[in-house]
């Protein structure tokens, strides 16, 4: 098993050290908090993507002949 360049043995050592430092109850709390944070981040990025797509679609409906900016400097 290779997870981003870290093998199974290294992952096991990291887990054991984390358990020794924080204990099993604190690890669960950290995991739960991390999961909520990742969920909130994904929701925020999804909301931004939806808003941008809606604005682009609205802009196309207002003036279908007008091209969106290409980002090139002329």
PDB file of N, CA and C in Angstrom:
ATOM      1  N   UNK A   1       0.841  -1.173   0.000  1.00  0.00           N
ATOM      2  CA  UNK A   1       0.000   0.000   0.000  1.00  0.00           C
ATOM      3  C   UNK A   1       0.886   1.236   0.000  1.00  0.00           C
ATOM      4  N   UNK A   2       0.632   2.144  -0.906  1.00  0.00           N
ATOM      5  CA  UNK A   2       1.430   3.353  -1.009  1.00  0.00           C
ATOM      6  C   UNK A   2       0.488   4.547  -1.038  1.00  0.00           C
ATOM      7  N   UNK A   3       0.554   5.354   0.000  1.00  0.00           N
ATOM      8  CA  UNK A   3      -0.320   6.518   0.108  1.00  0.00           C
ATOM      9  C   UNK A   3       0.528   7.772   0.036  1.00  0.00           C
ATOM     10  N   UNK A   4       0.569   8.382  -1.141  1.00  0.00           N
ATOM     11  CA  UNK A   4       1.311   9.618  -1.372  1.00  0.00           C
ATOM     12  C   UNK A   4       2.772   9.475  -0.962  1.00  0.00           C
ATOM     13  N   UNK A   5       3.374   8.360  -1.311  1.00  0.00           N
ATOM     14  CA  UNK A   5       4.782   8.140  -1.016  1.00  0.00           C
ATOM     15  C   UNK A   5       5.053   7.617   0.383  1.00  0.00           C
ATOM     16  N   UNK A   6       4.009   7.331   1.153  1.00  0.00           N
ATOM     17  CA  UNK A   6       4.177   6.799   2.505  1.00  0.00           C
ATOM     18  C   UNK A   6       3.691   5.358   2.505  1.00  0.00           C
ATOM     19  N   UNK A   7       4.528   4.461   2.971  1.00  0.00           N
ATOM     20  CA  UNK A   7       4.167   3.050   3.007  1.00  0.00           C
ATOM     21  C   UNK A   7       3.342   2.695   4.226  1.00  0.00           C
ATOM     22  N   UNK A   8       2.917   1.447   4.299  1.00  0.00           N
ATOM     23  CA  UNK A   8       2.088   0.969   5.395  1.00  0.00           C
ATOM     24  C   UNK A   8       2.780   1.052   6.745  1.00  0.00           C
ATOM     25  N   UNK A   9       4.075   0.747   6.776  1.00  0.00           N
ATOM     26  CA  UNK A   9       4.825   0.807   8.033  1.00  0.00           C
ATOM     27  C   UNK A   9       4.902   2.215   8.592  1.00  0.00           C
ATOM     28  N   UNK A  10       5.142   3.176   7.708  1.00  0.00           N
ATOM     29  CA  UNK A  10       5.221   4.570   8.162  1.00  0.00           C
ATOM     30  C   UNK A  10       3.872   5.065   8.676  1.00  0.00           C
ATOM     31  N   UNK A  11       2.795   4.674   8.002  1.00  0.00           N
ATOM     32  CA  UNK A  11       1.461   5.073   8.458  1.00  0.00           C
ATOM     33  C   UNK A  11       1.183   4.490   9.836  1.00  0.00           C
ATOM     34  N   UNK A  12       1.564   3.241  10.058  1.00  0.00           N
ATOM     35  CA  UNK A  12       1.375   2.591  11.360  1.00  0.00           C
ATOM     36  C   UNK A  12       2.146   3.326  12.448  1.00  0.00           C
ATOM     37  N   UNK A  13       3.383   3.720  12.171  1.00  0.00           N
ATOM     38  CA  UNK A  13       4.184   4.463  13.154  1.00  0.00           C
ATOM     39  C   UNK A  13       3.527   5.800  13.466  1.00  0.00           C
ATOM     40  N   UNK A  14       3.024   6.498  12.452  1.00  0.00           N
ATOM     41  CA  UNK A  14       2.356   7.789  12.660  1.00  0.00           C
ATOM     42  C   UNK A  14       1.123   7.611  13.541  1.00  0.00           C
ATOM     43  N   UNK A  15       0.350   6.570  13.294  1.00  0.00           N
ATOM     44  CA  UNK A  15      -0.858   6.312  14.091  1.00  0.00           C
ATOM     45  C   UNK A  15      -0.488   6.011  15.544  1.00  0.00           C
ATOM     46  N   UNK A  16       0.532   5.211  15.758  1.00  0.00           N
ATOM     47  CA  UNK A  16       0.951   4.868  17.124  1.00  0.00           C
ATOM     48  C   UNK A  16       1.443   6.116  17.863  1.00  0.00           C
ATOM     49  N   UNK A  17       2.232   6.943  17.203  1.00  0.00           N
ATOM     50  CA  UNK A  17       2.723   8.175  17.834  1.00  0.00           C
ATOM     51  C   UNK A  17       1.553   9.102  18.157  1.00  0.00           C
ATOM     52  N   UNK A  18       0.602   9.238  17.247  1.00  0.00           N
ATOM     53  CA  UNK A  18      -0.567  10.084  17.496  1.00  0.00           C
ATOM     54  C   UNK A  18      -1.368   9.566  18.685  1.00  0.00           C
ATOM     55  N   UNK A  19      -1.533   8.266  18.782  1.00  0.00           N
ATOM     56  CA  UNK A  19      -2.253   7.689  19.927  1.00  0.00           C
ATOM     57  C   UNK A  19      -1.518   7.955  21.237  1.00  0.00           C
ATOM     58  N   UNK A  20      -0.193   7.859  21.211  1.00  0.00           N
ATOM     59  CA  UNK A  20       0.585   8.120  22.421  1.00  0.00           C
ATOM     60  C   UNK A  20       0.516   9.585  22.840  1.00  0.00           C
ATOM     61  N   UNK A  21       0.498  10.487  21.867  1.00  0.00           N
ATOM     62  CA  UNK A  21       0.488  11.923  22.176  1.00  0.00           C
ATOM     63  C   UNK A  21      -0.895  12.365  22.628  1.00  0.00           C
ATOM     64  N   UNK A  22      -1.927  12.044  21.869  1.00  0.00           N
ATOM     65  CA  UNK A  22      -3.257  12.593  22.143  1.00  0.00           C
ATOM     66  C   UNK A  22      -4.217  11.602  22.810  1.00  0.00           C
ATOM     67  N   UNK A  23      -4.019  10.352  22.651  1.00  0.00           N
ATOM     68  CA  UNK A  23      -4.932   9.368  23.228  1.00  0.00           C
ATOM     69  C   UNK A  23      -6.084   9.074  22.278  1.00  0.00           C
ATOM     70  N   UNK A  24      -6.765   7.937  22.479  1.00  0.00           N
ATOM     71  CA  UNK A  24      -7.810   7.518  21.543  1.00  0.00           C
ATOM     72  C   UNK A  24      -9.023   8.445  21.489  1.00  0.00           C
ATOM     73  N   UNK A  25      -9.435   9.020  22.630  1.00  0.00           N
ATOM     74  CA  UNK A  25     -10.606   9.896  22.626  1.00  0.00           C
ATOM     75  C   UNK A  25     -10.331  11.187  21.871  1.00  0.00           C
ATOM     76  N   UNK A  26      -9.167  11.753  22.070  1.00  0.00           N
ATOM     77  CA  UNK A  26      -8.811  13.009  21.397  1.00  0.00           C
ATOM     78  C   UNK A  26      -8.650  12.779  19.892  1.00  0.00           C
ATOM     79  N   UNK A  27      -8.146  11.631  19.483  1.00  0.00           N
ATOM     80  CA  UNK A  27      -7.994  11.322  18.055  1.00  0.00           C
ATOM     81  C   UNK A  27      -9.360  11.328  17.373  1.00  0.00           C
ATOM     82  N   UNK A  28     -10.377  10.775  18.033  1.00  0.00           N
ATOM     83  CA  UNK A  28     -11.730  10.749  17.476  1.00  0.00           C
ATOM     84  C   UNK A  28     -12.251  12.179  17.313  1.00  0.00           C
ATOM     85  N   UNK A  29     -12.034  13.022  18.317  1.00  0.00           N
ATOM     86  CA  UNK A  29     -12.474  14.418  18.237  1.00  0.00           C
ATOM     87  C   UNK A  29     -11.762  15.156  17.100  1.00  0.00           C
ATOM     88  N   UNK A  30     -10.472  14.931  16.981  1.00  0.00           N
ATOM     89  CA  UNK A  30      -9.693  15.577  15.912  1.00  0.00           C
ATOM     90  C   UNK A  30     -10.209  15.122  14.545  1.00  0.00           C
ATOM     91  N   UNK A  31     -10.468  13.831  14.396  1.00  0.00           N
ATOM     92  CA  UNK A  31     -10.991  13.311  13.132  1.00  0.00           C
ATOM     93  C   UNK A  31     -12.359  13.885  12.797  1.00  0.00           C
ATOM     94  N   UNK A  32     -13.211  13.980  13.796  1.00  0.00           N
ATOM     95  CA  UNK A  32     -14.557  14.539  13.586  1.00  0.00           C
ATOM     96  C   UNK A  32     -14.460  16.005  13.163  1.00  0.00           C
ATOM     97  N   UNK A  33     -13.620  16.774  13.854  1.00  0.00           N
ATOM     98  CA  UNK A  33     -13.448  18.185  13.522  1.00  0.00           C
ATOM     99  C   UNK A  33     -12.853  18.352  12.123  1.00  0.00           C
ATOM    100  N   UNK A  34     -11.882  17.519  11.803  1.00  0.00           N
ATOM    101  CA  UNK A  34     -11.275  17.573  10.475  1.00  0.00           C
ATOM    102  C   UNK A  34     -12.304  17.235   9.395  1.00  0.00           C
ATOM    103  N   UNK A  35     -13.143  16.240   9.639  1.00  0.00           N
ATOM    104  CA  UNK A  35     -14.192  15.880   8.688  1.00  0.00           C
ATOM    105  C   UNK A  35     -15.188  17.003   8.472  1.00  0.00           C
ATOM    106  N   UNK A  36     -15.591  17.677   9.556  1.00  0.00           N
ATOM    107  CA  UNK A  36     -16.517  18.805   9.437  1.00  0.00           C
ATOM    108  C   UNK A  36     -15.877  19.954   8.665  1.00  0.00           C
ATOM    109  N   UNK A  37     -14.594  20.186   8.906  1.00  0.00           N
ATOM    110  CA  UNK A  37     -13.886  21.254   8.205  1.00  0.00           C
ATOM    111  C   UNK A  37     -13.796  20.967   6.711  1.00  0.00           C
ATOM    112  N   UNK A  38     -13.453  19.747   6.357  1.00  0.00           N
ATOM    113  CA  UNK A  38     -13.364  19.371   4.944  1.00  0.00           C
ATOM    114  C   UNK A  38     -14.732  19.488   4.279  1.00  0.00           C
ATOM    115  N   UNK A  39     -15.775  19.056   4.976  1.00  0.00           N
ATOM    116  CA  UNK A  39     -17.141  19.154   4.443  1.00  0.00           C
ATOM    117  C   UNK A  39     -17.527  20.613   4.195  1.00  0.00           C
ATOM    118  N   UNK A  40     -17.228  21.484   5.158  1.00  0.00           N
ATOM    119  CA  UNK A  40     -17.552  22.907   5.006  1.00  0.00           C
ATOM    120  C   UNK A  40     -16.765  23.523   3.845  1.00  0.00           C
ATOM    121  N   UNK A  41     -15.502  23.133   3.689  1.00  0.00           N
ATOM    122  CA  UNK A  41     -14.685  23.649   2.594  1.00  0.00           C
ATOM    123  C   UNK A  41     -15.239  23.198   1.242  1.00  0.00           C
ATOM    124  N   UNK A  42     -15.607  21.928   1.131  1.00  0.00           N
ATOM    125  CA  UNK A  42     -16.182  21.426  -0.122  1.00  0.00           C
ATOM    126  C   UNK A  42     -17.496  22.128  -0.444  1.00  0.00           C
ATOM    127  N   UNK A  43     -18.323  22.365   0.564  1.00  0.00           N
ATOM    128  CA  UNK A  43     -19.597  23.052   0.352  1.00  0.00           C
ATOM    129  C   UNK A  43     -19.357  24.485  -0.115  1.00  0.00           C
ATOM    130  N   UNK A  44     -18.397  25.163   0.506  1.00  0.00           N
ATOM    131  CA  UNK A  44     -18.101  26.544   0.124  1.00  0.00           C
ATOM    132  C   UNK A  44     -17.580  26.619  -1.308  1.00  0.00           C
ATOM    133  N   UNK A  45     -16.684  25.719  -1.692  1.00  0.00           N
ATOM    134  CA  UNK A  45     -16.167  25.744  -3.056  1.00  0.00           C
ATOM    135  C   UNK A  45     -17.263  25.379  -4.059  1.00  0.00           C
ATOM    136  N   UNK A  46     -18.149  24.469  -3.672  1.00  0.00           N
ATOM    137  CA  UNK A  46     -19.259  24.113  -4.550  1.00  0.00           C
ATOM    138  C   UNK A  46     -20.200  25.301  -4.737  1.00  0.00           C
ATOM    139  N   UNK A  47     -20.489  26.018  -3.639  1.00  0.00           N
ATOM    140  CA  UNK A  47     -21.362  27.194  -3.720  1.00  0.00           C
ATOM    141  C   UNK A  47     -20.759  28.265  -4.623  1.00  0.00           C
ATOM    142  N   UNK A  48     -19.452  28.480  -4.492  1.00  0.00           N
ATOM    143  CA  UNK A  48     -18.781  29.480  -5.335  1.00  0.00           C
ATOM    144  C   UNK A  48     -18.856  29.068  -6.797  1.00  0.00           C
ATOM    145  N   UNK A  49     -18.627  27.797  -7.082  1.00  0.00           N
ATOM    146  CA  UNK A  49     -18.680  27.305  -8.457  1.00  0.00           C
ATOM    147  C   UNK A  49     -20.072  27.491  -9.048  1.00  0.00           C
ATOM    148  N   UNK A  50     -21.095  27.160  -8.268  1.00  0.00           N
ATOM    149  CA  UNK A  50     -22.476  27.305  -8.744  1.00  0.00           C
ATOM    150  C   UNK A  50     -22.786  28.775  -9.026  1.00  0.00           C
ATOM    151  N   UNK A  51     -22.377  29.670  -8.130  1.00  0.00           N
ATOM    152  CA  UNK A  51     -22.637  31.097  -8.322  1.00  0.00           C
ATOM    153  C   UNK A  51     -21.942  31.628  -9.572  1.00  0.00           C
ATOM    154  N   UNK A  52     -20.687  31.215  -9.776  1.00  0.00           N
ATOM    155  CA  UNK A  52     -19.956  31.686 -10.959  1.00  0.00           C
ATOM    156  C   UNK A  52     -20.588  31.161 -12.243  1.00  0.00           C
ATOM    157  N   UNK A  53     -20.989  29.891 -12.245  1.00  0.00           N
ATOM    158  CA  UNK A  53     -21.634  29.330 -13.428  1.00  0.00           C
ATOM    159  C   UNK A  53     -22.952  30.042 -13.714  1.00  0.00           C
ATOM    160  N   UNK A  54     -23.707  30.362 -12.664  1.00  0.00           N
ATOM    161  CA  UNK A  54     -24.978  31.067 -12.834  1.00  0.00           C
ATOM    162  C   UNK A  54     -24.743  32.470 -13.396  1.00  0.00           C
ATOM    163  N   UNK A  55     -23.729  33.168 -12.877  1.00  0.00           N
ATOM    164  CA  UNK A  55     -23.430  34.501 -13.388  1.00  0.00           C
ATOM    165  C   UNK A  55     -23.000  34.449 -14.851  1.00  0.00           C
ATOM    166  N   UNK A  56     -22.192  33.463 -15.215  1.00  0.00           N
ATOM    167  CA  UNK A  56     -21.777  33.325 -16.614  1.00  0.00           C
ATOM    168  C   UNK A  56     -22.975  33.024 -17.511  1.00  0.00           C
ATOM    169  N   UNK A  57     -23.867  32.171 -17.027  1.00  0.00           N
ATOM    170  CA  UNK A  57     -25.065  31.840 -17.808  1.00  0.00           C
ATOM    171  C   UNK A  57     -25.959  33.072 -17.953  1.00  0.00           C
ATOM    172  N   UNK A  58     -26.121  33.841 -16.875  1.00  0.00           N
ATOM    173  CA  UNK A  58     -26.917  35.066 -16.941  1.00  0.00           C
ATOM    174  C   UNK A  58     -26.297  36.066 -17.910  1.00  0.00           C
ATOM    175  N   UNK A  59     -24.977  36.140 -17.901  1.00  0.00           N
ATOM    176  CA  UNK A  59     -24.272  37.059 -18.797  1.00  0.00           C
ATOM    177  C   UNK A  59     -24.480  36.628 -20.259  1.00  0.00           C
ATOM    178  N   UNK A  60     -24.465  35.337 -20.524  1.00  0.00           N
ATOM    179  CA  UNK A  60     -24.703  34.851 -21.887  1.00  0.00           C
ATOM    180  C   UNK A  60     -26.120  35.157 -22.335  1.00  0.00           C
ATOM    181  N   UNK A  61     -27.081  35.056 -21.425  1.00  0.00           N
ATOM    182  CA  UNK A  61     -28.470  35.331 -21.773  1.00  0.00           C
ATOM    183  C   UNK A  61     -28.698  36.815 -22.042  1.00  0.00           C
ATOM    184  N   UNK A  62     -27.995  37.701 -21.327  1.00  0.00           N
ATOM    185  CA  UNK A  62     -28.153  39.135 -21.523  1.00  0.00           C
ATOM    186  C   UNK A  62     -27.640  39.575 -22.885  1.00  0.00           C
ATOM    187  N   UNK A  63     -26.472  39.118 -23.251  1.00  0.00           N
ATOM    188  CA  UNK A  63     -25.856  39.531 -24.520  1.00  0.00           C
ATOM    189  C   UNK A  63     -25.161  38.319 -25.151  1.00  0.00           C
ATOM    190  N   UNK A  64     -25.898  37.505 -25.905  1.00  0.00           N
ATOM    191  CA  UNK A  64     -25.308  36.274 -26.447  1.00  0.00           C
ATOM    192  C   UNK A  64     -24.204  36.525 -27.476  1.00  0.00           C
ATOM    193  N   UNK A  65     -24.148  37.704 -28.111  1.00  0.00           N
ATOM    194  CA  UNK A  65     -23.129  37.983 -29.115  1.00  0.00           C
ATOM    195  C   UNK A  65     -21.801  38.387 -28.490  1.00  0.00           C
ATOM    196  N   UNK A  66     -21.842  38.901 -27.262  1.00  0.00           N
ATOM    197  CA  UNK A  66     -20.640  39.362 -26.605  1.00  0.00           C
ATOM    198  C   UNK A  66     -19.821  38.175 -26.117  1.00  0.00           C
ATOM    199  N   UNK A  67     -18.532  38.158 -26.455  1.00  0.00           N
ATOM    200  CA  UNK A  67     -17.643  37.092 -26.055  1.00  0.00           C
ATOM    201  C   UNK A  67     -17.151  37.352 -24.619  1.00  0.00           C
ATOM    202  N   UNK A  68     -16.988  36.319 -23.818  1.00  0.00           N
ATOM    203  CA  UNK A  68     -16.419  36.514 -22.486  1.00  0.00           C
ATOM    204  C   UNK A  68     -14.953  36.903 -22.622  1.00  0.00           C
ATOM    205  N   UNK A  69     -14.392  37.602 -21.640  1.00  0.00           N
ATOM    206  CA  UNK A  69     -12.993  38.015 -21.734  1.00  0.00           C
ATOM    207  C   UNK A  69     -12.078  36.797 -21.807  1.00  0.00           C
ATOM    208  N   UNK A  70     -11.078  36.884 -22.685  1.00  0.00           N
ATOM    209  CA  UNK A  70     -10.191  35.752 -22.903  1.00  0.00           C
ATOM    210  C   UNK A  70      -9.005  35.764 -21.964  1.00  0.00           C
ATOM    211  N   UNK A  71      -8.762  36.876 -21.322  1.00  0.00           N
ATOM    212  CA  UNK A  71      -7.616  36.961 -20.419  1.00  0.00           C
ATOM    213  C   UNK A  71      -6.359  37.415 -21.125  1.00  0.00           C
ATOM    214  N   UNK A  72      -6.419  37.604 -22.429  1.00  0.00           N
ATOM    215  CA  UNK A  72      -5.259  38.062 -23.189  1.00  0.00           C
ATOM    216  C   UNK A  72      -5.207  39.578 -23.172  1.00  0.00           C
ATOM    217  N   UNK A  73      -4.010  40.105 -23.105  1.00  0.00           N
ATOM    218  CA  UNK A  73      -3.825  41.555 -23.156  1.00  0.00           C
ATOM    219  C   UNK A  73      -3.569  41.937 -24.602  1.00  0.00           C
ATOM    220  N   UNK A  74      -4.387  42.878 -25.120  1.00  0.00           N
ATOM    221  CA  UNK A  74      -4.199  43.259 -26.515  1.00  0.00           C
ATOM    222  C   UNK A  74      -3.623  44.645 -26.641  1.00  0.00           C
TER     223      UNK A  74
END
